[in-house]
Each structure stands twice: as C-alpha cells, then as structure tokens.
Amino acid sequence: MSPLTYRRRTIPILIGAAALAVLPGCHQATYEQKMDAWVDSGGKSMPTFLTSEEIKRLEERRYIRVLRATLVRDALYANPEGLRGSVKLTMKLDRQGDVRLCEAKSAEAGTPSRLVNLMADVCWSRAWGPLPENLQSPKDGGLEIIAPLIASGETPSMADHERLRQRDAVESRFFWDNVVAKQSLSAFGTARFDFTANAKGEVIRCDVELEKHSLRPEYFQPNPELRQTLTQQCLELNVAKMPDFQVKADGTAKRVVRVDYLPWKNHVGQH
C-alpha cells in the first residue's frame, strides 16, 4: 500500500497558565468575528450571507480550532505536575479522522523526555471527526499537523469543574495502563468502571460496562468476553497508587472511571 500524501498545517499551542485563555471566547460583529462566532457555535449559527466556498473555509477553520482547543485541554489535563518545555508534535490523520502517526520531539534544550512522551500519548489517545474537504490532500485525503507545544510549567488557575476533568483524565490513564491496554484492542468504544476499594486500595467491587465511543458509535460491537475480562482484571487491581486516591470515613473509596479504547491507542506508552 502506498503511503498517504498529507496536506500540512502548523498550529502553535501554549500549555500552562494562559492555556485556557486561548480557547474560543466572545466576538463582535466584524466579518471575521462573525465567522469566528459561527465556528464557536459548532456550526449552529450559519451565516446566510456566505457562499459555499466561504462555508467550506469556515468548516476548515472550525475543525482546526476544535482540534487545537482539544489538544490544549488534553495536554493540560495530562500534565498535572506542570512539566516545562517545548515539544514539536507531528500528527497525521486520514480522511476519516483516524490517527495514522503521532511523533513528538524535543524542540528546546532541557525539555524533559517525560513531557515529550506525554505529548505523544495525548496525540494517540484521541479520535477525530472526518476531515473537511478543504483540509484533505488532493491525492489521498490526509492531513499532516505540525503542532509546536509549549508547556510553561506554570500551574493554571482552574475552575472546580476543570480540576475534576483533570482528575478524571489522570484516573483514566491509570486504568488504561493497568487494565485496558493489556488487551491490545482493535475496536472502538468506552469502558466504564464503577468500583469500590478498601483503605488499602484493594478493589472489592467492580462493575464494567462497554459503551459506544462518541465519535465512532457505528463501529461499536458488544463484547461480553471483553467485559468479563476487564471486570476480573479490575477486581485484581490495587488503586492505592492511583493519583488522588482518597478513602471516605467508612473506609472505602468509590469511583467511576471511563476509558476510551481505539485501535491506534495501543501506541500509548510505547516509547
């Protein structure tokens, strides 16, 4: 099979105290700002004065903005320690938005290898929607994204709901590393773990459900055998080393953790 030919886009990304500030915000009434408002609305407020070509450009713009904002959030949530440095991330998507390549390299002397590896893992952990027509390579429909990622090392001021999402992301990674990744899955879905652990971190109850992945629902297949295997491995898990593990007054810890699984996510942790 011949390699894909990709269009290329460069998207600078800042991760740190100002990271959440670069996400979509408020806009006024200029032509450009109206287009931004449509992008921010998720395509719900389609301007009637635009031509079909302008609409295609808007779809391209919205896709890149969503991709950028998602990478900002995912990278921020994955880096609670506040590792500092600069990473050049190369990501390749095919026409369907499937991830074909994630390559992270240090772009600044002194950048920790842990940060480089973390950014590669963030890249491999996502699914994306189909590429807009204007972003597709004329030959194969692919897209290459060059993303200079800059982690300032500053701990941003997060709202409570953002901190909860960061905790959820860290717990999801823990369950991926210790349970789901062992299955080398080639399917799409989300595993939901509802568990109770004792004060020692030993899991004493675990209910597992397999759900559709939000961006690939049509590819979901029920798998009772996988569900049973994940349940058994969950019951053998000790979550005492899971970040933010806390025991309540009754001596137990109860949590619900969701873990996405994707065919290319098996690359996570393979450095």
C-alpha atoms as a PDB file:
ATOM      1  CA  MET A   1       0.000   0.000   0.000  1.00  0.00           C
ATOM      2  CA  SER A   2       1.389   3.393  -0.960  1.00  0.00           C
ATOM      3  CA  PRO A   3       1.874   5.934   1.846  1.00  0.00           C
ATOM      4  CA  LEU A   4      -0.683   8.686   2.273  1.00  0.00           C
ATOM      5  CA  THR A   5       0.100  12.142   0.961  1.00  0.00           C
ATOM      6  CA  TYR A   6      -0.908  14.747   3.508  1.00  0.00           C
ATOM      7  CA  ARG A   7      -1.739  18.405   3.450  1.00  0.00           C
ATOM      8  CA  ARG A   8       0.176  20.206   6.174  1.00  0.00           C
ATOM      9  CA  ARG A   9      -0.916  22.720   8.816  1.00  0.00           C
ATOM     10  CA  THR A  10       1.139  24.275  11.619  1.00  0.00           C
ATOM     11  CA  ILE A  11      -0.765  25.003  14.840  1.00  0.00           C
ATOM     12  CA  PRO A  12       1.193  26.649  17.706  1.00  0.00           C
ATOM     13  CA  ILE A  13      -0.138  25.573  21.103  1.00  0.00           C
ATOM     14  CA  LEU A  14       0.563  27.008  24.566  1.00  0.00           C
ATOM     15  CA  ILE A  15       0.056  24.789  27.611  1.00  0.00           C
ATOM     16  CA  GLY A  16       0.108  26.456  31.019  1.00  0.00           C
ATOM     17  CA  ALA A  17      -1.366  29.386  32.874  1.00  0.00           C
ATOM     18  CA  ALA A  18      -2.663  31.004  29.684  1.00  0.00           C
ATOM     19  CA  ALA A  19      -3.771  27.769  28.030  1.00  0.00           C
ATOM     20  CA  LEU A  20      -7.471  28.031  28.767  1.00  0.00           C
ATOM     21  CA  ALA A  21      -7.467  31.678  27.688  1.00  0.00           C
ATOM     22  CA  VAL A  22      -6.705  30.745  24.072  1.00  0.00           C
ATOM     23  CA  LEU A  23      -9.900  28.725  23.766  1.00  0.00           C
ATOM     24  CA  PRO A  24     -12.888  30.214  21.891  1.00  0.00           C
ATOM     25  CA  GLY A  25     -14.312  33.310  23.544  1.00  0.00           C
ATOM     26  CA  CYS A  26     -16.541  36.279  22.810  1.00  0.00           C
ATOM     27  CA  HIS A  27     -16.648  38.075  19.458  1.00  0.00           C
ATOM     28  CA  GLN A  28     -18.047  41.284  18.000  1.00  0.00           C
ATOM     29  CA  ALA A  29     -19.708  41.988  14.708  1.00  0.00           C
ATOM     30  CA  THR A  30     -16.944  42.340  12.120  1.00  0.00           C
ATOM     31  CA  TYR A  31     -16.912  39.938   9.163  1.00  0.00           C
ATOM     32  CA  GLU A  32     -14.036  37.911  10.605  1.00  0.00           C
ATOM     33  CA  GLN A  33     -15.563  37.867  14.071  1.00  0.00           C
ATOM     34  CA  LYS A  34     -18.916  36.710  12.731  1.00  0.00           C
ATOM     35  CA  MET A  35     -17.138  33.801  11.110  1.00  0.00           C
ATOM     36  CA  ASP A  36     -15.428  33.097  14.433  1.00  0.00           C
ATOM     37  CA  ALA A  37     -18.817  33.183  16.142  1.00  0.00           C
ATOM     38  CA  TRP A  38     -20.094  30.537  13.735  1.00  0.00           C
ATOM     39  CA  VAL A  39     -17.016  28.421  14.408  1.00  0.00           C
ATOM     40  CA  ASP A  40     -17.522  28.758  18.155  1.00  0.00           C
ATOM     41  CA  SER A  41     -21.199  27.831  17.889  1.00  0.00           C
ATOM     42  CA  GLY A  42     -20.311  24.452  16.460  1.00  0.00           C
ATOM     43  CA  GLY A  43     -21.867  25.378  13.136  1.00  0.00           C
ATOM     44  CA  LYS A  44     -25.296  26.107  14.630  1.00  0.00           C
ATOM     45  CA  SER A  45     -25.470  29.783  13.646  1.00  0.00           C
ATOM     46  CA  MET A  46     -24.717  29.501   9.933  1.00  0.00           C
ATOM     47  CA  PRO A  47     -24.326  32.991   8.393  1.00  0.00           C
ATOM     48  CA  THR A  48     -26.731  33.240   5.448  1.00  0.00           C
ATOM     49  CA  PHE A  49     -24.527  35.697   3.532  1.00  0.00           C
ATOM     50  CA  LEU A  50     -21.672  33.246   2.911  1.00  0.00           C
ATOM     51  CA  THR A  51     -21.007  31.422  -0.349  1.00  0.00           C
ATOM     52  CA  SER A  52     -20.441  27.665  -0.493  1.00  0.00           C
ATOM     53  CA  GLU A  53     -16.674  28.220  -0.757  1.00  0.00           C
ATOM     54  CA  GLU A  54     -16.715  30.503   2.271  1.00  0.00           C
ATOM     55  CA  ILE A  55     -18.665  27.882   4.184  1.00  0.00           C
ATOM     56  CA  LYS A  56     -16.022  25.288   3.291  1.00  0.00           C
ATOM     57  CA  ARG A  57     -13.347  27.605   4.637  1.00  0.00           C
ATOM     58  CA  LEU A  58     -15.373  28.036   7.809  1.00  0.00           C
ATOM     59  CA  GLU A  59     -15.650  24.276   8.233  1.00  0.00           C
ATOM     60  CA  GLU A  60     -11.875  24.042   7.830  1.00  0.00           C
ATOM     61  CA  ARG A  61     -11.374  26.807  10.355  1.00  0.00           C
ATOM     62  CA  ARG A  62     -13.746  25.235  12.858  1.00  0.00           C
ATOM     63  CA  TYR A  63     -12.062  21.828  12.562  1.00  0.00           C
ATOM     64  CA  ILE A  64      -8.624  23.302  13.260  1.00  0.00           C
ATOM     65  CA  ARG A  65      -9.941  25.365  16.148  1.00  0.00           C
ATOM     66  CA  VAL A  66     -11.644  22.351  17.756  1.00  0.00           C
ATOM     67  CA  LEU A  67      -8.509  20.265  17.231  1.00  0.00           C
ATOM     68  CA  ARG A  68      -6.326  22.953  18.777  1.00  0.00           C
ATOM     69  CA  ALA A  69      -8.620  23.509  21.766  1.00  0.00           C
ATOM     70  CA  THR A  70      -8.879  19.762  22.377  1.00  0.00           C
ATOM     71  CA  LEU A  71      -5.109  19.291  22.290  1.00  0.00           C
ATOM     72  CA  VAL A  72      -4.707  22.225  24.691  1.00  0.00           C
ATOM     73  CA  ARG A  73      -7.115  20.708  27.195  1.00  0.00           C
ATOM     74  CA  ASP A  74      -5.843  17.145  26.846  1.00  0.00           C
ATOM     75  CA  ALA A  75      -2.215  18.227  27.225  1.00  0.00           C
ATOM     76  CA  LEU A  76      -3.053  20.398  30.221  1.00  0.00           C
ATOM     77  CA  TYR A  77      -5.010  17.635  31.955  1.00  0.00           C
ATOM     78  CA  ALA A  78      -2.264  15.089  31.266  1.00  0.00           C
ATOM     79  CA  ASN A  79       0.397  17.287  32.877  1.00  0.00           C
ATOM     80  CA  PRO A  80      -0.721  17.914  36.491  1.00  0.00           C
ATOM     81  CA  GLU A  81       2.930  18.063  37.593  1.00  0.00           C
ATOM     82  CA  GLY A  82       3.485  21.146  35.452  1.00  0.00           C
ATOM     83  CA  LEU A  83       6.407  19.774  33.427  1.00  0.00           C
ATOM     84  CA  ARG A  84       8.040  22.569  31.441  1.00  0.00           C
ATOM     85  CA  GLY A  85       9.474  22.556  27.942  1.00  0.00           C
ATOM     86  CA  SER A  86       8.838  22.768  24.213  1.00  0.00           C
ATOM     87  CA  VAL A  87       7.755  19.841  22.047  1.00  0.00           C
ATOM     88  CA  LYS A  88       7.251  19.538  18.300  1.00  0.00           C
ATOM     89  CA  LEU A  89       4.296  17.237  17.681  1.00  0.00           C
ATOM     90  CA  THR A  90       3.624  15.800  14.240  1.00  0.00           C
ATOM     91  CA  MET A  91       0.223  14.180  13.795  1.00  0.00           C
ATOM     92  CA  LYS A  92      -1.203  12.596  10.664  1.00  0.00           C
ATOM     93  CA  LEU A  93      -4.898  11.967  10.121  1.00  0.00           C
ATOM     94  CA  ASP A  94      -6.562  10.154   7.260  1.00  0.00           C
ATOM     95  CA  ARG A  95      -9.788  11.221   5.556  1.00  0.00           C
ATOM     96  CA  GLN A  96     -11.945   9.660   8.296  1.00  0.00           C
ATOM     97  CA  GLY A  97     -10.023  11.436  11.071  1.00  0.00           C
ATOM     98  CA  ASP A  98      -8.264   8.240  12.161  1.00  0.00           C
ATOM     99  CA  VAL A  99      -4.818   8.855  13.652  1.00  0.00           C
ATOM    100  CA  ARG A 100      -2.051   7.400  11.478  1.00  0.00           C
ATOM    101  CA  LEU A 101       1.016   8.945  13.128  1.00  0.00           C
ATOM    102  CA  CYS A 102       1.985  10.746  16.333  1.00  0.00           C
ATOM    103  CA  GLU A 103       5.609  11.786  16.645  1.00  0.00           C
ATOM    104  CA  ALA A 104       6.867  14.043  19.432  1.00  0.00           C
ATOM    105  CA  LYS A 105      10.356  15.533  19.589  1.00  0.00           C
ATOM    106  CA  SER A 106      12.032  17.952  21.965  1.00  0.00           C
ATOM    107  CA  ALA A 107      12.141  21.443  20.466  1.00  0.00           C
ATOM    108  CA  GLU A 108      14.111  23.057  23.274  1.00  0.00           C
ATOM    109  CA  ALA A 109      17.190  22.063  25.248  1.00  0.00           C
ATOM    110  CA  GLY A 110      16.261  20.813  28.690  1.00  0.00           C
ATOM    111  CA  THR A 111      12.780  19.615  27.777  1.00  0.00           C
ATOM    112  CA  PRO A 112      12.108  16.511  29.924  1.00  0.00           C
ATOM    113  CA  SER A 113      11.709  13.266  27.992  1.00  0.00           C
ATOM    114  CA  ARG A 114       8.636  12.614  30.133  1.00  0.00           C
ATOM    115  CA  LEU A 115       6.961  15.682  28.644  1.00  0.00           C
ATOM    116  CA  VAL A 116       7.869  14.584  25.110  1.00  0.00           C
ATOM    117  CA  ASN A 117       6.426  11.117  25.727  1.00  0.00           C
ATOM    118  CA  LEU A 118       3.357  12.594  27.387  1.00  0.00           C
ATOM    119  CA  MET A 119       2.540  14.696  24.333  1.00  0.00           C
ATOM    120  CA  ALA A 120       2.862  11.675  22.042  1.00  0.00           C
ATOM    121  CA  ASP A 121       0.487   9.766  24.317  1.00  0.00           C
ATOM    122  CA  VAL A 122      -2.015  12.638  24.251  1.00  0.00           C
ATOM    123  CA  CYS A 123      -1.947  12.504  20.455  1.00  0.00           C
ATOM    124  CA  TRP A 124      -2.521   8.724  20.302  1.00  0.00           C
ATOM    125  CA  SER A 125      -5.411   8.919  22.786  1.00  0.00           C
ATOM    126  CA  ARG A 126      -7.881  10.844  20.630  1.00  0.00           C
ATOM    127  CA  ALA A 127     -10.299  10.194  17.799  1.00  0.00           C
ATOM    128  CA  TRP A 128     -11.302  12.995  15.433  1.00  0.00           C
ATOM    129  CA  GLY A 129     -14.190  13.681  13.108  1.00  0.00           C
ATOM    130  CA  PRO A 130     -13.924  13.319   9.305  1.00  0.00           C
ATOM    131  CA  LEU A 131     -11.700  15.926   7.664  1.00  0.00           C
ATOM    132  CA  PRO A 132     -13.429  18.857   5.938  1.00  0.00           C
ATOM    133  CA  GLU A 133     -12.907  18.880   2.187  1.00  0.00           C
ATOM    134  CA  ASN A 134     -10.542  21.868   2.240  1.00  0.00           C
ATOM    135  CA  LEU A 135      -8.165  20.096   4.648  1.00  0.00           C
ATOM    136  CA  GLN A 136      -7.891  16.891   2.636  1.00  0.00           C
ATOM    137  CA  SER A 137      -4.901  16.114   0.450  1.00  0.00           C
ATOM    138  CA  PRO A 138      -5.982  16.134  -3.225  1.00  0.00           C
ATOM    139  CA  LYS A 139      -4.391  12.708  -3.644  1.00  0.00           C
ATOM    140  CA  ASP A 140      -5.314  10.683  -0.558  1.00  0.00           C
ATOM    141  CA  GLY A 141      -7.435  12.909   1.638  1.00  0.00           C
ATOM    142  CA  GLY A 142      -4.968  13.010   4.544  1.00  0.00           C
ATOM    143  CA  LEU A 143      -3.808  15.852   6.781  1.00  0.00           C
ATOM    144  CA  GLU A 144      -0.457  16.381   8.492  1.00  0.00           C
ATOM    145  CA  ILE A 145      -0.463  18.681  11.508  1.00  0.00           C
ATOM    146  CA  ILE A 146       2.695  20.244  12.924  1.00  0.00           C
ATOM    147  CA  ALA A 147       1.975  21.470  16.453  1.00  0.00           C
ATOM    148  CA  PRO A 148       4.694  23.276  18.430  1.00  0.00           C
ATOM    149  CA  LEU A 149       3.606  22.617  22.025  1.00  0.00           C
ATOM    150  CA  ILE A 150       4.938  24.971  24.698  1.00  0.00           C
ATOM    151  CA  ALA A 151       4.439  23.964  28.343  1.00  0.00           C
ATOM    152  CA  SER A 152       5.123  26.969  30.561  1.00  0.00           C
ATOM    153  CA  GLY A 153       5.434  24.929  33.745  1.00  0.00           C
ATOM    154  CA  GLU A 154       3.034  27.269  35.500  1.00  0.00           C
ATOM    155  CA  THR A 155       0.045  25.762  37.287  1.00  0.00           C
ATOM    156  CA  PRO A 156      -3.006  27.446  35.786  1.00  0.00           C
ATOM    157  CA  SER A 157      -5.876  28.673  37.899  1.00  0.00           C
ATOM    158  CA  MET A 158      -8.591  26.126  37.144  1.00  0.00           C
ATOM    159  CA  ALA A 159     -12.280  26.184  37.903  1.00  0.00           C
ATOM    160  CA  ASP A 160     -13.513  23.281  40.005  1.00  0.00           C
ATOM    161  CA  HIS A 161     -15.044  21.519  37.012  1.00  0.00           C
ATOM    162  CA  GLU A 162     -11.717  21.762  35.148  1.00  0.00           C
ATOM    163  CA  ARG A 163      -9.881  20.196  38.094  1.00  0.00           C
ATOM    164  CA  LEU A 164     -12.411  17.370  38.158  1.00  0.00           C
ATOM    165  CA  ARG A 165     -11.813  16.763  34.455  1.00  0.00           C
ATOM    166  CA  GLN A 166      -8.080  16.703  35.044  1.00  0.00           C
ATOM    167  CA  ARG A 167      -8.569  14.162  37.821  1.00  0.00           C
ATOM    168  CA  ASP A 168     -10.792  12.095  35.519  1.00  0.00           C
ATOM    169  CA  ALA A 169      -8.112  12.191  32.802  1.00  0.00           C
ATOM    170  CA  VAL A 170      -5.365  11.042  35.186  1.00  0.00           C
ATOM    171  CA  GLU A 171      -7.547   8.224  36.550  1.00  0.00           C
ATOM    172  CA  SER A 172      -8.487   7.182  33.021  1.00  0.00           C
ATOM    173  CA  ARG A 173      -4.794   6.928  32.133  1.00  0.00           C
ATOM    174  CA  PHE A 174      -4.183   4.809  35.267  1.00  0.00           C
ATOM    175  CA  PHE A 175      -6.895   2.338  34.248  1.00  0.00           C
ATOM    176  CA  TRP A 176      -5.650   2.336  30.666  1.00  0.00           C
ATOM    177  CA  ASP A 177      -2.102   1.474  31.725  1.00  0.00           C
ATOM    178  CA  ASN A 178      -3.096  -1.129  34.292  1.00  0.00           C
ATOM    179  CA  VAL A 179      -6.184  -2.759  32.783  1.00  0.00           C
ATOM    180  CA  VAL A 180      -7.385  -1.870  29.278  1.00  0.00           C
ATOM    181  CA  ALA A 181      -4.021  -1.615  27.482  1.00  0.00           C
ATOM    182  CA  LYS A 182      -3.297  -5.255  28.300  1.00  0.00           C
ATOM    183  CA  GLN A 183      -5.997  -6.299  25.816  1.00  0.00           C
ATOM    184  CA  SER A 184      -4.381  -4.801  22.659  1.00  0.00           C
ATOM    185  CA  LEU A 185      -7.825  -3.886  21.358  1.00  0.00           C
ATOM    186  CA  SER A 186      -8.531  -3.093  17.704  1.00  0.00           C
ATOM    187  CA  ALA A 187     -12.062  -1.866  18.401  1.00  0.00           C
ATOM    188  CA  PHE A 188     -13.769   1.433  19.241  1.00  0.00           C
ATOM    189  CA  GLY A 189     -15.589   2.035  22.498  1.00  0.00           C
ATOM    190  CA  THR A 190     -15.536   3.300  26.065  1.00  0.00           C
ATOM    191  CA  ALA A 191     -15.109   1.075  29.111  1.00  0.00           C
ATOM    192  CA  ARG A 192     -16.902   2.344  32.213  1.00  0.00           C
ATOM    193  CA  PHE A 193     -15.516   1.092  35.548  1.00  0.00           C
ATOM    194  CA  ASP A 194     -17.732   1.572  38.621  1.00  0.00           C
ATOM    195  CA  PHE A 195     -15.702   0.287  41.570  1.00  0.00           C
ATOM    196  CA  THR A 196     -15.278   0.274  45.329  1.00  0.00           C
ATOM    197  CA  ALA A 197     -11.895  -0.158  47.013  1.00  0.00           C
ATOM    198  CA  ASN A 198     -10.939  -0.635  50.651  1.00  0.00           C
ATOM    199  CA  ALA A 199      -8.496   1.505  52.622  1.00  0.00           C
ATOM    200  CA  LYS A 200      -5.559  -0.494  51.247  1.00  0.00           C
ATOM    201  CA  GLY A 201      -6.611   0.236  47.673  1.00  0.00           C
ATOM    202  CA  GLU A 202      -7.805  -3.308  47.015  1.00  0.00           C
ATOM    203  CA  VAL A 203     -10.808  -3.338  44.678  1.00  0.00           C
ATOM    204  CA  ILE A 204     -13.663  -5.217  46.356  1.00  0.00           C
ATOM    205  CA  ARG A 205     -16.388  -4.449  43.801  1.00  0.00           C
ATOM    206  CA  CYS A 206     -16.173  -3.593  40.111  1.00  0.00           C
ATOM    207  CA  ASP A 207     -18.947  -3.282  37.549  1.00  0.00           C
ATOM    208  CA  VAL A 208     -17.815  -2.799  33.952  1.00  0.00           C
ATOM    209  CA  GLU A 209     -19.940  -1.598  31.050  1.00  0.00           C
ATOM    210  CA  LEU A 210     -18.856  -1.176  27.432  1.00  0.00           C
ATOM    211  CA  GLU A 211     -20.333   1.834  25.659  1.00  0.00           C
ATOM    212  CA  LYS A 212     -20.192   3.421  22.211  1.00  0.00           C
ATOM    213  CA  HIS A 213     -17.401   5.890  21.521  1.00  0.00           C
ATOM    214  CA  SER A 214     -18.920   9.313  20.882  1.00  0.00           C
ATOM    215  CA  LEU A 215     -17.017   9.832  17.593  1.00  0.00           C
ATOM    216  CA  ARG A 216     -17.208   6.238  16.299  1.00  0.00           C
ATOM    217  CA  PRO A 217     -20.581   4.912  17.528  1.00  0.00           C
ATOM    218  CA  GLU A 218     -21.179   2.964  14.320  1.00  0.00           C
ATOM    219  CA  TYR A 219     -18.100   0.805  14.945  1.00  0.00           C
ATOM    220  CA  PHE A 220     -19.078  -0.322  18.442  1.00  0.00           C
ATOM    221  CA  GLN A 221     -19.592  -4.036  18.975  1.00  0.00           C
ATOM    222  CA  PRO A 222     -20.835  -5.589  22.241  1.00  0.00           C
ATOM    223  CA  ASN A 223     -18.177  -7.910  23.629  1.00  0.00           C
ATOM    224  CA  PRO A 224     -19.282  -9.922  26.700  1.00  0.00           C
ATOM    225  CA  GLU A 225     -15.932 -11.709  26.839  1.00  0.00           C
ATOM    226  CA  LEU A 226     -14.019  -8.410  26.955  1.00  0.00           C
ATOM    227  CA  ARG A 227     -16.377  -7.079  29.607  1.00  0.00           C
ATOM    228  CA  GLN A 228     -15.783 -10.166  31.743  1.00  0.00           C
ATOM    229  CA  THR A 229     -12.002  -9.933  31.309  1.00  0.00           C
ATOM    230  CA  LEU A 230     -11.923  -6.246  32.252  1.00  0.00           C
ATOM    231  CA  THR A 231     -14.098  -6.946  35.287  1.00  0.00           C
ATOM    232  CA  GLN A 232     -11.747  -9.668  36.504  1.00  0.00           C
ATOM    233  CA  GLN A 233      -8.651  -7.516  35.990  1.00  0.00           C
ATOM    234  CA  CYS A 234     -10.327  -4.609  37.753  1.00  0.00           C
ATOM    235  CA  LEU A 235     -11.010  -6.835  40.783  1.00  0.00           C
ATOM    236  CA  GLU A 236      -7.319  -7.772  40.870  1.00  0.00           C
ATOM    237  CA  LEU A 237      -6.228  -4.128  40.766  1.00  0.00           C
ATOM    238  CA  ASN A 238      -4.818  -2.101  43.637  1.00  0.00           C
ATOM    239  CA  VAL A 239      -5.744   1.552  43.199  1.00  0.00           C
ATOM    240  CA  ALA A 240      -3.769   2.882  46.176  1.00  0.00           C
ATOM    241  CA  LYS A 241      -1.206   4.288  43.717  1.00  0.00           C
ATOM    242  CA  MET A 242      -3.858   5.975  41.602  1.00  0.00           C
ATOM    243  CA  PRO A 243      -3.404   9.758  41.792  1.00  0.00           C
ATOM    244  CA  ASP A 244      -5.739  11.470  44.243  1.00  0.00           C
ATOM    245  CA  PHE A 245      -6.759   8.160  45.857  1.00  0.00           C
ATOM    246  CA  GLN A 246      -8.802   9.052  48.932  1.00  0.00           C
ATOM    247  CA  VAL A 247     -10.730   6.933  51.419  1.00  0.00           C
ATOM    248  CA  LYS A 248     -14.006   8.123  52.939  1.00  0.00           C
ATOM    249  CA  ALA A 249     -14.973   7.928  56.591  1.00  0.00           C
ATOM    250  CA  ASP A 250     -16.455   4.467  56.056  1.00  0.00           C
ATOM    251  CA  GLY A 251     -13.037   3.162  54.977  1.00  0.00           C
ATOM    252  CA  THR A 252     -13.861   2.804  51.284  1.00  0.00           C
ATOM    253  CA  ALA A 253     -13.231   4.687  48.059  1.00  0.00           C
ATOM    254  CA  LYS A 254     -15.891   4.673  45.353  1.00  0.00           C
ATOM    255  CA  ARG A 255     -15.242   5.961  41.852  1.00  0.00           C
ATOM    256  CA  VAL A 256     -16.437   5.776  38.268  1.00  0.00           C
ATOM    257  CA  VAL A 257     -13.691   5.855  35.624  1.00  0.00           C
ATOM    258  CA  ARG A 258     -14.208   5.943  31.852  1.00  0.00           C
ATOM    259  CA  VAL A 259     -11.533   4.773  29.433  1.00  0.00           C
ATOM    260  CA  ASP A 260     -11.745   5.213  25.659  1.00  0.00           C
ATOM    261  CA  TYR A 261     -10.246   2.443  23.558  1.00  0.00           C
ATOM    262  CA  LEU A 262      -9.213   2.920  19.923  1.00  0.00           C
ATOM    263  CA  PRO A 263      -7.155   0.788  17.515  1.00  0.00           C
ATOM    264  CA  TRP A 264      -4.280   3.303  17.491  1.00  0.00           C
ATOM    265  CA  LYS A 265      -4.355   3.935  21.249  1.00  0.00           C
ATOM    266  CA  ASN A 266      -2.223   0.810  21.716  1.00  0.00           C
ATOM    267  CA  HIS A 267       0.724   3.105  20.887  1.00  0.00           C
ATOM    268  CA  VAL A 268       0.263   4.911  24.224  1.00  0.00           C
ATOM    269  CA  GLY A 269       3.236   4.263  26.486  1.00  0.00           C
ATOM    270  CA  GLN A 270       5.249   2.583  23.710  1.00  0.00           C
ATOM    271  CA  HIS A 271       8.257   4.907  23.678  1.00  0.00           C
END
